[in-house]
Protein backbone atom coordinates (compact mmCIF):
# COMPACT_ATOMS: atom_id res chain seq x y z
CA GLN A 1 -19.80 -10.17 6.39
CA LEU A 2 -17.36 -12.32 4.47
CA THR A 3 -15.74 -14.97 6.59
CA ARG A 4 -12.46 -16.78 6.24
CA LEU A 5 -12.31 -19.56 8.73
CA PRO A 6 -9.12 -21.09 10.08
CA PRO A 7 -8.50 -24.47 8.39
CA ALA A 8 -9.24 -26.42 11.58
CA VAL A 9 -12.62 -24.70 11.96
CA GLU A 10 -13.34 -24.96 8.23
CA GLU A 11 -13.19 -28.75 8.52
CA MET A 12 -15.95 -28.70 11.17
CA VAL A 13 -18.40 -26.71 9.03
CA PRO A 14 -20.63 -28.80 6.74
CA LYS A 15 -19.76 -28.28 3.07
CA ASP A 16 -23.33 -27.28 2.17
CA THR A 17 -23.43 -24.43 4.73
CA PRO A 18 -24.38 -21.20 2.91
CA ARG A 19 -21.66 -18.56 2.83
CA ASP A 20 -21.76 -14.89 1.99
CA SER A 21 -19.84 -13.72 -1.03
CA ALA A 22 -18.99 -10.30 -2.45
CA ALA A 23 -22.03 -10.71 -4.71
CA ASP A 24 -24.20 -10.61 -1.56
CA ALA A 25 -22.95 -7.15 -0.54
CA ASP A 26 -25.23 -4.12 -0.50
CA LEU A 27 -24.70 -1.75 -3.42
CA TYR A 28 -25.57 1.93 -3.23
CA VAL A 29 -25.55 4.47 -6.05
CA THR A 30 -25.78 8.20 -5.45
CA ASP A 31 -24.96 11.38 -7.30
CA VAL A 32 -22.10 13.53 -6.04
CA LEU A 33 -21.16 17.05 -6.96
CA PRO A 34 -17.80 18.82 -6.96
CA GLY A 35 -16.99 19.80 -3.38
CA ASP A 36 -19.05 17.00 -1.84
CA LEU A 37 -17.34 15.00 0.87
CA VAL A 38 -17.83 11.25 0.70
CA LEU A 39 -16.94 9.12 3.70
CA LEU A 40 -16.47 5.40 3.12
CA TYR A 41 -15.94 3.11 6.06
CA THR A 42 -16.79 -0.31 7.37
CA ASP A 43 -19.23 -1.16 10.13
CA GLY A 44 -16.19 -1.71 12.33
CA TYR A 45 -15.53 2.02 12.19
CA SER A 46 -19.08 2.99 13.07
CA ASP A 47 -19.13 0.37 15.83
CA ASN A 48 -16.14 2.03 17.51
CA VAL A 49 -16.32 5.74 16.71
CA TYR A 50 -19.22 7.92 17.80
CA GLU A 51 -20.92 10.12 15.21
CA HIS A 52 -19.86 13.30 17.04
CA GLU A 53 -16.22 12.13 16.84
CA THR A 54 -16.51 11.66 13.09
CA VAL A 55 -18.10 15.10 12.75
CA SER A 56 -15.25 16.58 14.80
CA ILE A 57 -12.58 14.95 12.64
CA VAL A 58 -14.24 15.94 9.36
CA SER A 59 -14.91 19.49 10.56
CA ARG A 60 -11.28 19.99 11.50
CA LEU A 61 -10.01 18.43 8.28
CA THR A 62 -12.06 20.80 6.20
CA THR A 63 -10.84 23.71 8.36
CA ILE A 64 -7.10 22.96 8.53
CA GLY A 65 -6.67 21.34 5.14
CA SER A 66 -6.28 17.83 3.84
CA PHE A 67 -2.47 17.86 4.24
CA ALA A 68 -3.02 17.22 7.94
CA CYS A 69 -5.40 14.30 7.38
CA ALA A 70 -2.95 11.52 8.23
CA ALA A 71 -1.70 13.26 11.37
CA LEU A 72 -5.17 14.00 12.63
CA VAL A 73 -6.55 10.53 12.01
CA GLU A 74 -3.47 8.88 13.54
CA SER A 75 -3.77 11.08 16.64
CA GLY A 76 -7.48 10.59 17.20
CA PRO A 77 -10.40 12.98 17.58
CA ASP A 78 -9.12 14.71 20.76
CA ILE A 79 -5.96 16.28 19.33
CA ALA A 80 -5.88 20.07 19.19
CA PRO A 81 -5.64 21.46 15.64
CA ASP A 82 -2.66 23.63 16.64
CA ALA A 83 -0.75 20.49 17.65
CA ILE A 84 -0.48 19.41 14.02
């Protein structure tokens, strides 16, 4: 994880302390086909949303259409599709 320290904390860290950079990030390559659904998210998302909640959101988005995506995501996984 990339870290930006507050200036006061930065001064306490030795200058030769190794830091992560974008070059240290994992890189994945995969083939996708038309109609595939690709979900991109950070570990913060997967730390806070259960897999079944993600499946519920994605299932409903593919059922009710992408126009409702913002409303559904803003409202959370427990909103009824007819409430959109």
